[in-house]
Each structure stands twice: as C-alpha cells, then as structure tokens.
C-alpha cells in the first residue's frame, strides 16, 4: 500500500480539530475541494471512512479517532527527531519562544545585540501562546515570557524587566480616543480578546483592525503604520514581569549563556 504522507496526517488533524472542511481548508491555506479530495483518497487507501459527513455536520468515525491518535504520535516523534538533530549541530540557530504580544521590542533588541557580537549568534523566534511549555517540549531553547499564571516547576529563570500593559485596539474602537483606560473598561468592551490568538504579530494586528477588537499587550509591542490600530494605557493593570526561562537539563544550546548575557545587557540599558 502507498505510504501515508505527513501532509495526509496534517489534513486529517485539521479537519478533526475544526470539524469543518471549509474552516480546515482556510487554516491550511488551501481551497476546500482539494482538501476534500485528499481526505477521500486517503480513506480509499485505508479502506475505511475517517469522517461522517452530512450537509451540516462533520464528525469523526471510530477509525478516524484512532487515526488522529496515531497521527499525533507520529508528528510528535518527527518533532523529537528534528530537535535531536538540531541539538547535535552546534552551528544551528538558538530558538527562543515568546507570545507575539509580549516583549516584542525587548526581544528585537536582544537579537540585535546577538548579531553584533564578534562571533554572531543566530536567533530564531518561535511564537506560542504557551512559551514555557514549548521549552519543556524541546521545541525551543529558551522562552521570553511573563511568569504570571504559568507552571514554572523545574525551570531556571533570569528576571529581566517590567513593562506596562496597554490595550491594543482598532482606531475605530469606541474606547480608542480615550487617553487612558481601566482594566474593567477594556475587558467589558465588545470585541475584547481574552486569549492571545495563536498567530504571528502582523496577523494579530490585522485581526484587531478588521474585527474592531482589542486585547492586552506589553507597551513595547510595535504598532505598524497604516494598520488602523493604536495602543491606550491601562492604568490599573499590573506590569508584565519579563524573564528568560530555560530548562537546566542536559542538551541546552551551547551558546545559551551568550543569549542570557545579552538579555542582561539589554535589560540593564533600559533600567
């Protein structure tokens, strides 16, 4: 039988998570008909249906549930292999993970410092809503994150800076013209995003602008020109205490200490 491809697994997982071929196709960046055909071809090769489909509802079959479980395990095994290979190569980029709306300007300054070293350190940025967990999963070497409301057991931390929290919102938002806001006012307004979308910063900004929304971000989050968004101070919101988090276990990037030193330098220059 023809071997199942990683792409096949990713297609099934997307449909299983969205329970909609249309939404899954949009998430994957493809049209819906090719996705439907790809799933149908896979089902024919497997000799069983993975999804029950009606005009309104998509649900997993028992075979589909098993495929999702096994598919996730396969992708995780591939990720672990990639991590081990990358760790075995000392010349690889150091991967630092952060939420796209936390410490963006601060991180850019750290990366610039690393580039200017006599022996430059290449830093690759990974965006995640759960940066500390990404370090635990070995998807990143370190996390630049706010330690509030996170499980930090087993992690080492270098506390760096505190940053004010502001509201990022569309310029057409009813509160955008205010000189300052309270946390309650921001949270109670229509369009407030409680969770940071799992998207790159430019896509988050576009989403906020398009949907007349708002969310809390650190004050150094860059606001691109021409995107119809702005930031407004939130007077009673606690500062974000940014730190650099890493695991003390073996297998760290050989130049992790270099990153930590440069982060300290940037933090000191801002104090």
Protein backbone atom coordinates (compact mmCIF):
# COMPACT_ATOMS: atom_id res chain seq x y z
CA UNK A 1 0.00 0.00 0.00
CA UNK A 2 1.19 3.52 -0.77
CA UNK A 3 2.76 5.12 2.29
CA UNK A 4 0.75 7.77 4.15
CA UNK A 5 2.39 11.18 3.94
CA UNK A 6 2.85 13.76 6.71
CA UNK A 7 0.60 16.06 4.68
CA UNK A 8 -2.20 13.46 4.89
CA UNK A 9 -1.92 13.40 8.68
CA UNK A 10 -1.94 17.19 8.92
CA UNK A 11 -5.04 17.36 6.72
CA UNK A 12 -6.93 14.85 8.88
CA UNK A 13 -5.90 16.60 12.10
CA UNK A 14 -7.07 19.98 10.78
CA UNK A 15 -10.50 18.62 9.82
CA UNK A 16 -10.75 16.71 13.13
CA UNK A 17 -10.00 19.86 15.12
CA UNK A 18 -12.24 22.18 13.11
CA UNK A 19 -15.00 19.63 12.33
CA UNK A 20 -15.46 21.58 9.13
CA UNK A 21 -13.78 21.08 5.79
CA UNK A 22 -14.23 24.77 4.97
CA UNK A 23 -12.56 26.03 8.17
CA UNK A 24 -9.83 23.38 7.96
CA UNK A 25 -9.03 24.39 4.38
CA UNK A 26 -8.80 28.06 5.37
CA UNK A 27 -6.48 27.15 8.25
CA UNK A 28 -4.28 25.08 5.95
CA UNK A 29 -4.20 27.80 3.30
CA UNK A 30 -5.75 25.66 0.57
CA UNK A 31 -9.12 25.53 -1.17
CA UNK A 32 -11.83 23.26 0.23
CA UNK A 33 -12.33 20.96 -2.81
CA UNK A 34 -8.67 19.76 -2.94
CA UNK A 35 -8.82 19.06 0.81
CA UNK A 36 -11.99 17.01 0.44
CA UNK A 37 -10.45 15.06 -2.45
CA UNK A 38 -7.26 14.41 -0.47
CA UNK A 39 -9.22 13.04 2.50
CA UNK A 40 -11.36 10.88 0.19
CA UNK A 41 -8.24 9.45 -1.50
CA UNK A 42 -6.76 8.64 1.91
CA UNK A 43 -9.98 6.91 3.02
CA UNK A 44 -9.96 4.79 -0.15
CA UNK A 45 -6.36 3.77 0.51
CA UNK A 46 -7.18 2.89 4.11
CA UNK A 47 -10.38 1.09 3.16
CA UNK A 48 -12.47 2.93 5.75
CA UNK A 49 -14.12 6.27 6.40
CA UNK A 50 -12.42 8.68 8.79
CA UNK A 51 -15.30 11.15 8.93
CA UNK A 52 -19.08 11.01 8.89
CA UNK A 53 -20.24 13.85 6.63
CA UNK A 54 -23.65 15.44 6.28
CA UNK A 55 -24.60 18.78 4.73
CA UNK A 56 -24.32 20.38 8.19
CA UNK A 57 -22.12 18.21 10.40
CA UNK A 58 -18.70 16.56 10.21
CA UNK A 59 -17.78 14.02 12.92
CA UNK A 60 -15.00 11.50 13.41
CA UNK A 61 -15.64 7.80 12.95
CA UNK A 62 -14.01 5.31 15.33
CA UNK A 63 -11.35 4.73 12.66
CA UNK A 64 -10.87 8.49 12.38
CA UNK A 65 -10.37 8.81 16.14
CA UNK A 66 -7.69 6.11 16.01
CA UNK A 67 -6.00 7.79 13.02
CA UNK A 68 -5.91 11.12 14.89
CA UNK A 69 -4.34 9.50 17.98
CA UNK A 70 -1.70 7.67 15.95
CA UNK A 71 -1.14 10.68 13.69
CA UNK A 72 -0.41 12.94 16.64
CA UNK A 73 2.10 10.41 17.97
CA UNK A 74 3.81 10.28 14.56
CA UNK A 75 4.10 14.06 14.28
CA UNK A 76 5.43 14.29 17.85
CA UNK A 77 8.05 11.64 17.02
CA UNK A 78 9.08 13.62 13.94
CA UNK A 79 9.36 16.80 16.04
CA UNK A 80 11.55 14.99 18.59
CA UNK A 81 13.80 13.73 15.82
CA UNK A 82 14.18 17.24 14.40
CA UNK A 83 15.02 18.60 17.86
CA UNK A 84 17.67 15.91 18.47
CA UNK A 85 19.28 16.53 15.09
CA UNK A 86 19.28 20.29 15.64
CA UNK A 87 20.80 19.88 19.09
CA UNK A 88 23.52 17.72 17.57
CA UNK A 89 24.52 20.59 15.28
CA UNK A 90 26.35 23.30 17.22
CA UNK A 91 26.03 25.78 14.39
CA UNK A 92 22.25 25.76 14.49
CA UNK A 93 20.24 28.84 15.42
CA UNK A 94 19.22 29.27 19.04
CA UNK A 95 15.44 29.09 19.23
CA UNK A 96 13.70 31.50 21.61
CA UNK A 97 9.94 31.33 22.05
CA UNK A 98 7.58 34.07 23.14
CA UNK A 99 3.99 35.16 22.88
CA UNK A 100 3.75 37.54 19.92
CA UNK A 101 2.40 40.40 22.05
CA UNK A 102 4.83 40.17 24.99
CA UNK A 103 8.20 41.92 25.00
CA UNK A 104 8.44 42.23 21.23
CA UNK A 105 10.62 45.35 21.21
CA UNK A 106 12.76 43.98 24.04
CA UNK A 107 13.34 40.73 22.16
CA UNK A 108 14.28 42.62 18.99
CA UNK A 109 16.93 44.49 20.98
CA UNK A 110 18.34 41.19 22.32
CA UNK A 111 18.52 39.71 18.82
CA UNK A 112 20.31 42.82 17.53
CA UNK A 113 22.86 42.53 20.35
CA UNK A 114 23.47 38.89 19.42
CA UNK A 115 24.01 39.83 15.77
CA UNK A 116 26.64 42.43 16.67
CA UNK A 117 28.86 40.02 18.62
CA UNK A 118 32.32 39.27 17.27
CA UNK A 119 31.04 35.72 16.82
CA UNK A 120 27.38 36.45 15.92
CA UNK A 121 24.69 34.28 17.46
CA UNK A 122 21.82 33.45 15.14
CA UNK A 123 18.49 33.58 16.98
CA UNK A 124 15.29 32.10 15.61
CA UNK A 125 11.98 33.27 17.10
CA UNK A 126 9.09 30.89 17.67
CA UNK A 127 5.63 32.26 18.57
CA UNK A 128 3.46 30.33 21.01
CA UNK A 129 0.66 31.00 23.47
CA UNK A 130 2.46 28.63 25.90
CA UNK A 131 6.15 29.59 25.63
CA UNK A 132 7.37 27.81 28.77
CA UNK A 133 5.71 24.59 27.65
CA UNK A 134 7.48 24.92 24.30
CA UNK A 135 10.80 24.84 26.17
CA UNK A 136 9.68 21.77 28.13
CA UNK A 137 8.72 20.06 24.86
CA UNK A 138 12.21 20.83 23.45
CA UNK A 139 10.76 22.94 20.66
CA UNK A 140 12.77 25.93 21.89
CA UNK A 141 15.96 26.56 23.85
CA UNK A 142 14.58 29.41 25.95
CA UNK A 143 11.41 31.41 26.48
CA UNK A 144 10.97 35.14 26.91
CA UNK A 145 7.79 35.24 28.93
CA UNK A 146 5.81 36.70 31.77
CA UNK A 147 5.88 34.23 34.64
CA UNK A 148 2.37 35.06 35.85
CA UNK A 149 -0.13 32.17 35.71
CA UNK A 150 2.40 29.68 34.34
CA UNK A 151 3.71 26.45 35.78
CA UNK A 152 7.43 27.14 36.21
CA UNK A 153 8.38 23.97 38.06
CA UNK A 154 11.79 22.71 37.01
CA UNK A 155 12.63 25.87 35.06
CA UNK A 156 15.51 28.29 35.55
CA UNK A 157 14.76 31.99 35.20
CA UNK A 158 16.62 35.24 34.68
CA UNK A 159 14.31 38.09 35.65
CA UNK A 160 14.87 40.99 33.25
CA UNK A 161 12.43 43.91 33.04
CA UNK A 162 8.94 45.05 33.93
CA UNK A 163 6.80 46.59 31.22
CA UNK A 164 3.49 48.46 31.43
CA UNK A 165 0.45 46.78 29.92
CA UNK A 166 -1.57 48.61 27.26
CA UNK A 167 -4.68 47.92 25.24
CA UNK A 168 -4.09 47.25 21.55
CA UNK A 169 -7.24 48.18 19.64
CA UNK A 170 -8.67 49.30 16.35
CA UNK A 171 -8.62 53.06 15.85
CA UNK A 172 -12.38 52.84 15.23
CA UNK A 173 -12.96 51.12 18.60
CA UNK A 174 -15.30 53.14 20.89
CA UNK A 175 -12.53 53.43 23.52
CA UNK A 176 -9.66 54.27 21.18
CA UNK A 177 -9.93 58.03 21.71
CA UNK A 178 -9.60 57.79 25.50
CA UNK A 179 -6.27 58.99 26.99
CA UNK A 180 -6.24 56.06 29.41
CA UNK A 181 -8.50 53.18 30.42
CA UNK A 182 -9.28 50.90 33.34
CA UNK A 183 -8.87 47.15 33.06
CA UNK A 184 -12.60 46.63 33.62
CA UNK A 185 -13.47 49.01 30.79
CA UNK A 186 -11.22 47.14 28.35
CA UNK A 187 -12.45 43.69 29.37
CA UNK A 188 -16.12 44.63 29.25
CA UNK A 189 -15.97 46.27 25.83
CA UNK A 190 -17.24 44.43 22.76
CA UNK A 191 -14.52 42.66 20.80
CA UNK A 192 -12.11 42.07 23.71
CA UNK A 193 -9.87 39.03 23.16
CA UNK A 194 -9.17 37.21 26.40
CA UNK A 195 -6.63 34.84 24.84
CA UNK A 196 -3.83 35.83 22.50
CA UNK A 197 -4.58 34.31 19.06
CA UNK A 198 -2.05 31.69 18.01
CA UNK A 199 -0.92 33.88 15.10
CA UNK A 200 2.11 35.97 14.15
CA UNK A 201 2.02 39.56 15.39
CA UNK A 202 1.24 41.07 11.98
CA UNK A 203 -1.78 38.77 11.62
CA UNK A 204 -2.96 39.62 15.15
CA UNK A 205 -2.76 43.33 14.30
CA UNK A 206 -4.70 42.72 11.09
CA UNK A 207 -7.34 40.72 13.01
CA UNK A 208 -7.75 43.51 15.61
CA UNK A 209 -8.12 46.11 12.84
CA UNK A 210 -10.51 44.04 10.75
CA UNK A 211 -12.80 42.98 13.61
CA UNK A 212 -12.72 46.22 15.62
CA UNK A 213 -11.28 44.28 18.54
CA UNK A 214 -8.93 44.84 21.45
CA UNK A 215 -6.52 42.89 23.65
CA UNK A 216 -3.89 43.46 26.32
CA UNK A 217 -0.24 43.62 25.20
CA UNK A 218 3.06 44.84 26.63
CA UNK A 219 3.86 48.50 25.99
CA UNK A 220 6.77 47.76 23.66
CA UNK A 221 4.61 45.87 21.14
CA UNK A 222 5.30 47.64 17.82
CA UNK A 223 2.27 49.15 16.10
CA UNK A 224 2.80 49.13 12.31
CA UNK A 225 1.88 52.25 10.34
CA UNK A 226 -1.21 52.09 8.20
CA UNK A 227 -2.85 49.21 10.08
CA UNK A 228 -5.58 51.31 11.78
CA UNK A 229 -4.62 50.19 15.27
CA UNK A 230 -3.39 52.06 18.35
CA UNK A 231 -2.43 51.44 21.97
CA UNK A 232 -4.04 53.02 25.03
CA UNK A 233 -2.57 52.87 28.58
CA UNK A 234 -4.42 50.69 31.10
CA UNK A 235 -3.91 52.41 34.43
CA UNK A 236 -4.79 49.64 36.90
CA UNK A 237 -3.33 46.67 35.04
CA UNK A 238 -0.20 45.11 36.61
CA UNK A 239 3.08 45.40 34.74
CA UNK A 240 4.36 42.41 32.79
CA UNK A 241 7.43 41.00 34.56
CA UNK A 242 9.51 39.58 31.72
CA UNK A 243 12.03 36.85 32.30
CA UNK A 244 14.15 34.45 30.32
CA UNK A 245 13.22 30.84 31.08
CA UNK A 246 15.15 27.68 30.23
CA UNK A 247 15.46 24.09 31.35
CA UNK A 248 18.56 23.11 33.36
CA UNK A 249 18.55 19.62 31.84
CA UNK A 250 21.30 18.39 29.51
CA UNK A 251 21.12 19.23 25.81
CA UNK A 252 20.90 23.02 26.03
CA UNK A 253 22.17 25.07 23.11
CA UNK A 254 25.93 25.56 23.51
CA UNK A 255 25.54 29.35 23.39
CA UNK A 256 22.56 29.70 25.70
CA UNK A 257 24.75 31.53 28.23
CA UNK A 258 25.61 34.05 25.49
CA UNK A 259 21.91 34.78 24.97
CA UNK A 260 21.41 35.22 28.72
CA UNK A 261 24.32 37.69 28.93
CA UNK A 262 22.98 39.76 26.03
CA UNK A 263 19.50 39.79 27.58
CA UNK A 264 21.01 41.12 30.81
CA UNK A 265 22.83 43.85 28.88
CA UNK A 266 19.65 44.99 27.17
CA UNK A 267 17.73 44.93 30.45
CA UNK A 268 20.46 46.99 32.14
CA UNK A 269 20.42 49.57 29.33
CA UNK A 270 16.68 50.04 29.90
CA UNK A 271 16.87 50.37 33.67
